[in-house]
């Protein structure tokens, strides 16, 4: 987001928190994908639905 004009401590905190959360989400997705790739009991249909569900949240 480029709509931050003045940087107050509160906004800074929020920005850091958002970045941290985004990073956390990315890492969760990566490990989930690894888990799904490693597991052969899931059909591709279930995999697709699961990844769509992850993206929505």
PDB file of N, CA and C in Angstrom:
ATOM      1  N   UNK A   1       0.840  -1.201   0.000  1.00  0.00           N
ATOM      2  CA  UNK A   1       0.000   0.000   0.000  1.00  0.00           C
ATOM      3  C   UNK A   1       0.871   1.245   0.000  1.00  0.00           C
ATOM      4  N   UNK A   2       0.579   2.174  -0.858  1.00  0.00           N
ATOM      5  CA  UNK A   2       1.377   3.399  -0.922  1.00  0.00           C
ATOM      6  C   UNK A   2       0.588   4.592  -0.420  1.00  0.00           C
ATOM      7  N   UNK A   3      -0.485   4.351   0.346  1.00  0.00           N
ATOM      8  CA  UNK A   3      -1.286   5.466   0.844  1.00  0.00           C
ATOM      9  C   UNK A   3      -0.892   5.908   2.243  1.00  0.00           C
ATOM     10  N   UNK A   4       0.278   5.443   2.694  1.00  0.00           N
ATOM     11  CA  UNK A   4       0.811   5.930   3.969  1.00  0.00           C
ATOM     12  C   UNK A   4       1.536   7.243   3.708  1.00  0.00           C
ATOM     13  N   UNK A   5       1.029   8.326   4.243  1.00  0.00           N
ATOM     14  CA  UNK A   5       1.677   9.617   4.024  1.00  0.00           C
ATOM     15  C   UNK A   5       2.598   9.937   5.194  1.00  0.00           C
ATOM     16  N   UNK A   6       2.010  10.087   6.376  1.00  0.00           N
ATOM     17  CA  UNK A   6       2.851  10.330   7.550  1.00  0.00           C
ATOM     18  C   UNK A   6       2.999   9.013   8.298  1.00  0.00           C
ATOM     19  N   UNK A   7       4.166   8.780   8.868  1.00  0.00           N
ATOM     20  CA  UNK A   7       4.411   7.508   9.537  1.00  0.00           C
ATOM     21  C   UNK A   7       4.358   7.683  11.049  1.00  0.00           C
ATOM     22  N   UNK A   8       3.220   7.352  11.611  1.00  0.00           N
ATOM     23  CA  UNK A   8       3.092   7.399  13.065  1.00  0.00           C
ATOM     24  C   UNK A   8       3.507   6.048  13.628  1.00  0.00           C
ATOM     25  N   UNK A   9       3.933   6.009  14.878  1.00  0.00           N
ATOM     26  CA  UNK A   9       4.350   4.736  15.484  1.00  0.00           C
ATOM     27  C   UNK A   9       3.274   3.661  15.371  1.00  0.00           C
ATOM     28  N   UNK A  10       2.022   4.067  15.508  1.00  0.00           N
ATOM     29  CA  UNK A  10       0.927   3.097  15.448  1.00  0.00           C
ATOM     30  C   UNK A  10       0.832   2.456  14.065  1.00  0.00           C
ATOM     31  N   UNK A  11       0.924   3.299  13.041  1.00  0.00           N
ATOM     32  CA  UNK A  11       0.847   2.782  11.675  1.00  0.00           C
ATOM     33  C   UNK A  11       2.040   1.885  11.375  1.00  0.00           C
ATOM     34  N   UNK A  12       3.189   2.283  11.894  1.00  0.00           N
ATOM     35  CA  UNK A  12       4.400   1.498  11.712  1.00  0.00           C
ATOM     36  C   UNK A  12       4.215   0.104  12.293  1.00  0.00           C
ATOM     37  N   UNK A  13       3.645   0.075  13.482  1.00  0.00           N
ATOM     38  CA  UNK A  13       3.399  -1.182  14.178  1.00  0.00           C
ATOM     39  C   UNK A  13       2.462  -2.057  13.352  1.00  0.00           C
ATOM     40  N   UNK A  14       1.424  -1.418  12.838  1.00  0.00           N
ATOM     41  CA  UNK A  14       0.426  -2.131  12.055  1.00  0.00           C
ATOM     42  C   UNK A  14       1.050  -2.702  10.784  1.00  0.00           C
ATOM     43  N   UNK A  15       1.908  -1.895  10.146  1.00  0.00           N
ATOM     44  CA  UNK A  15       2.556  -2.319   8.907  1.00  0.00           C
ATOM     45  C   UNK A  15       3.444  -3.535   9.168  1.00  0.00           C
ATOM     46  N   UNK A  16       4.221  -3.449  10.256  1.00  0.00           N
ATOM     47  CA  UNK A  16       5.082  -4.565  10.626  1.00  0.00           C
ATOM     48  C   UNK A  16       4.259  -5.812  10.906  1.00  0.00           C
ATOM     49  N   UNK A  17       3.138  -5.629  11.624  1.00  0.00           N
ATOM     50  CA  UNK A  17       2.281  -6.751  11.973  1.00  0.00           C
ATOM     51  C   UNK A  17       1.716  -7.396  10.717  1.00  0.00           C
ATOM     52  N   UNK A  18       1.320  -6.538   9.757  1.00  0.00           N
ATOM     53  CA  UNK A  18       0.752  -7.046   8.513  1.00  0.00           C
ATOM     54  C   UNK A  18       1.801  -7.840   7.734  1.00  0.00           C
ATOM     55  N   UNK A  19       3.030  -7.329   7.683  1.00  0.00           N
ATOM     56  CA  UNK A  19       4.113  -8.010   6.976  1.00  0.00           C
ATOM     57  C   UNK A  19       4.401  -9.357   7.634  1.00  0.00           C
ATOM     58  N   UNK A  20       4.395  -9.347   8.965  1.00  0.00           N
ATOM     59  CA  UNK A  20       4.653 -10.570   9.714  1.00  0.00           C
ATOM     60  C   UNK A  20       3.567 -11.603   9.428  1.00  0.00           C
ATOM     61  N   UNK A  21       2.331 -11.132   9.414  1.00  0.00           N
ATOM     62  CA  UNK A  21       1.196 -12.018   9.177  1.00  0.00           C
ATOM     63  C   UNK A  21       1.256 -12.590   7.762  1.00  0.00           C
ATOM     64  N   UNK A  22       1.628 -11.738   6.811  1.00  0.00           N
ATOM     65  CA  UNK A  22       1.732 -12.174   5.423  1.00  0.00           C
ATOM     66  C   UNK A  22       2.800 -13.260   5.300  1.00  0.00           C
ATOM     67  N   UNK A  23       3.933 -13.026   5.958  1.00  0.00           N
ATOM     68  CA  UNK A  23       5.028 -13.981   5.938  1.00  0.00           C
ATOM     69  C   UNK A  23       4.599 -15.305   6.560  1.00  0.00           C
ATOM     70  N   UNK A  24       3.865 -15.208   7.665  1.00  0.00           N
ATOM     71  CA  UNK A  24       3.379 -16.390   8.363  1.00  0.00           C
ATOM     72  C   UNK A  24       2.453 -17.177   7.441  1.00  0.00           C
ATOM     73  N   UNK A  25       1.576 -16.468   6.756  1.00  0.00           N
ATOM     74  CA  UNK A  25       0.616 -17.085   5.848  1.00  0.00           C
ATOM     75  C   UNK A  25       1.353 -17.790   4.707  1.00  0.00           C
ATOM     76  N   UNK A  26       2.378 -17.129   4.173  1.00  0.00           N
ATOM     77  CA  UNK A  26       3.154 -17.703   3.083  1.00  0.00           C
ATOM     78  C   UNK A  26       3.827 -18.995   3.526  1.00  0.00           C
ATOM     79  N   UNK A  27       4.426 -18.964   4.732  1.00  0.00           N
ATOM     80  CA  UNK A  27       5.105 -20.151   5.231  1.00  0.00           C
ATOM     81  C   UNK A  27       4.123 -21.292   5.457  1.00  0.00           C
ATOM     82  N   UNK A  28       2.922 -20.955   5.941  1.00  0.00           N
ATOM     83  CA  UNK A  28       1.890 -21.972   6.150  1.00  0.00           C
ATOM     84  C   UNK A  28       1.515 -22.601   4.825  1.00  0.00           C
ATOM     85  N   UNK A  29       1.348 -21.773   3.807  1.00  0.00           N
ATOM     86  CA  UNK A  29       0.978 -22.281   2.481  1.00  0.00           C
ATOM     87  C   UNK A  29       2.063 -23.191   1.923  1.00  0.00           C
ATOM     88  N   UNK A  30       3.311 -22.799   2.102  1.00  0.00           N
ATOM     89  CA  UNK A  30       4.425 -23.591   1.587  1.00  0.00           C
ATOM     90  C   UNK A  30       4.451 -24.961   2.255  1.00  0.00           C
ATOM     91  N   UNK A  31       4.306 -24.985   3.583  1.00  0.00           N
ATOM     92  CA  UNK A  31       4.344 -26.268   4.278  1.00  0.00           C
ATOM     93  C   UNK A  31       3.111 -27.103   3.948  1.00  0.00           C
ATOM     94  N   UNK A  32       1.980 -26.440   3.739  1.00  0.00           N
ATOM     95  CA  UNK A  32       0.768 -27.166   3.359  1.00  0.00           C
ATOM     96  C   UNK A  32       0.950 -27.821   2.000  1.00  0.00           C
ATOM     97  N   UNK A  33       1.524 -27.052   1.073  1.00  0.00           N
ATOM     98  CA  UNK A  33       1.741 -27.571  -0.270  1.00  0.00           C
ATOM     99  C   UNK A  33       2.684 -28.771  -0.218  1.00  0.00           C
ATOM    100  N   UNK A  34       3.729 -28.649   0.597  1.00  0.00           N
ATOM    101  CA  UNK A  34       4.690 -29.729   0.742  1.00  0.00           C
ATOM    102  C   UNK A  34       3.999 -30.971   1.294  1.00  0.00           C
ATOM    103  N   UNK A  35       3.130 -30.729   2.281  1.00  0.00           N
ATOM    104  CA  UNK A  35       2.394 -31.817   2.908  1.00  0.00           C
ATOM    105  C   UNK A  35       1.499 -32.510   1.890  1.00  0.00           C
ATOM    106  N   UNK A  36       0.825 -31.702   1.078  1.00  0.00           N
ATOM    107  CA  UNK A  36      -0.083 -32.258   0.080  1.00  0.00           C
ATOM    108  C   UNK A  36       0.684 -32.990  -1.015  1.00  0.00           C
ATOM    109  N   UNK A  37       1.818 -32.444  -1.400  1.00  0.00           N
ATOM    110  CA  UNK A  37       2.626 -33.088  -2.432  1.00  0.00           C
ATOM    111  C   UNK A  37       3.173 -34.421  -1.944  1.00  0.00           C
ATOM    112  N   UNK A  38       3.521 -34.471  -0.665  1.00  0.00           N
ATOM    113  CA  UNK A  38       4.101 -35.687  -0.108  1.00  0.00           C
ATOM    114  C   UNK A  38       3.043 -36.763   0.101  1.00  0.00           C
ATOM    115  N   UNK A  39       1.806 -36.350   0.271  1.00  0.00           N
ATOM    116  CA  UNK A  39       0.745 -37.308   0.561  1.00  0.00           C
ATOM    117  C   UNK A  39       0.096 -37.820  -0.719  1.00  0.00           C
ATOM    118  N   UNK A  40       0.047 -39.147  -0.849  1.00  0.00           N
ATOM    119  CA  UNK A  40      -0.511 -39.733  -2.071  1.00  0.00           C
ATOM    120  C   UNK A  40      -1.961 -40.154  -1.893  1.00  0.00           C
ATOM    121  N   UNK A  41      -2.522 -39.925  -0.711  1.00  0.00           N
ATOM    122  CA  UNK A  41      -3.897 -40.359  -0.491  1.00  0.00           C
ATOM    123  C   UNK A  41      -4.906 -39.311  -0.951  1.00  0.00           C
ATOM    124  N   UNK A  42      -4.409 -38.107  -1.312  1.00  0.00           N
ATOM    125  CA  UNK A  42      -5.307 -37.070  -1.810  1.00  0.00           C
ATOM    126  C   UNK A  42      -5.423 -37.166  -3.325  1.00  0.00           C
ATOM    127  N   UNK A  43      -6.635 -37.080  -3.812  1.00  0.00           N
ATOM    128  CA  UNK A  43      -6.802 -37.007  -5.264  1.00  0.00           C
ATOM    129  C   UNK A  43      -6.557 -35.567  -5.693  1.00  0.00           C
ATOM    130  N   UNK A  44      -6.327 -35.335  -6.977  1.00  0.00           N
ATOM    131  CA  UNK A  44      -6.047 -33.978  -7.444  1.00  0.00           C
ATOM    132  C   UNK A  44      -7.250 -33.071  -7.203  1.00  0.00           C
ATOM    133  N   UNK A  45      -8.458 -33.626  -7.250  1.00  0.00           N
ATOM    134  CA  UNK A  45      -9.663 -32.835  -7.010  1.00  0.00           C
ATOM    135  C   UNK A  45      -9.665 -32.254  -5.611  1.00  0.00           C
ATOM    136  N   UNK A  46      -9.333 -33.077  -4.627  1.00  0.00           N
ATOM    137  CA  UNK A  46      -9.290 -32.607  -3.242  1.00  0.00           C
ATOM    138  C   UNK A  46      -8.196 -31.559  -3.098  1.00  0.00           C
ATOM    139  N   UNK A  47      -7.057 -31.788  -3.722  1.00  0.00           N
ATOM    140  CA  UNK A  47      -5.952 -30.829  -3.668  1.00  0.00           C
ATOM    141  C   UNK A  47      -6.391 -29.468  -4.183  1.00  0.00           C
ATOM    142  N   UNK A  48      -7.060 -29.464  -5.323  1.00  0.00           N
ATOM    143  CA  UNK A  48      -7.503 -28.204  -5.922  1.00  0.00           C
ATOM    144  C   UNK A  48      -8.453 -27.469  -4.992  1.00  0.00           C
ATOM    145  N   UNK A  49      -9.432 -28.184  -4.456  1.00  0.00           N
ATOM    146  CA  UNK A  49     -10.395 -27.563  -3.551  1.00  0.00           C
ATOM    147  C   UNK A  49      -9.700 -27.020  -2.318  1.00  0.00           C
ATOM    148  N   UNK A  50      -8.735 -27.756  -1.826  1.00  0.00           N
ATOM    149  CA  UNK A  50      -8.034 -27.353  -0.616  1.00  0.00           C
ATOM    150  C   UNK A  50      -7.238 -26.076  -0.849  1.00  0.00           C
ATOM    151  N   UNK A  51      -6.546 -25.997  -1.991  1.00  0.00           N
ATOM    152  CA  UNK A  51      -5.749 -24.812  -2.283  1.00  0.00           C
ATOM    153  C   UNK A  51      -6.664 -23.604  -2.507  1.00  0.00           C
ATOM    154  N   UNK A  52      -7.801 -23.805  -3.136  1.00  0.00           N
ATOM    155  CA  UNK A  52      -8.749 -22.711  -3.336  1.00  0.00           C
ATOM    156  C   UNK A  52      -9.235 -22.198  -1.992  1.00  0.00           C
ATOM    157  N   UNK A  53      -9.491 -23.118  -1.093  1.00  0.00           N
ATOM    158  CA  UNK A  53      -9.947 -22.758   0.253  1.00  0.00           C
ATOM    159  C   UNK A  53      -8.889 -21.927   0.963  1.00  0.00           C
ATOM    160  N   UNK A  54      -7.631 -22.304   0.802  1.00  0.00           N
ATOM    161  CA  UNK A  54      -6.524 -21.576   1.431  1.00  0.00           C
ATOM    162  C   UNK A  54      -6.431 -20.153   0.878  1.00  0.00           C
ATOM    163  N   UNK A  55      -6.580 -20.013  -0.411  1.00  0.00           N
ATOM    164  CA  UNK A  55      -6.447 -18.705  -1.050  1.00  0.00           C
ATOM    165  C   UNK A  55      -7.572 -17.777  -0.590  1.00  0.00           C
ATOM    166  N   UNK A  56      -8.777 -18.327  -0.450  1.00  0.00           N
ATOM    167  CA  UNK A  56      -9.927 -17.518  -0.040  1.00  0.00           C
ATOM    168  C   UNK A  56      -9.735 -16.931   1.349  1.00  0.00           C
ATOM    169  N   UNK A  57      -9.143 -17.689   2.253  1.00  0.00           N
ATOM    170  CA  UNK A  57      -9.019 -17.221   3.643  1.00  0.00           C
ATOM    171  C   UNK A  57      -7.903 -16.221   3.832  1.00  0.00           C
TER     172      UNK A  57
END
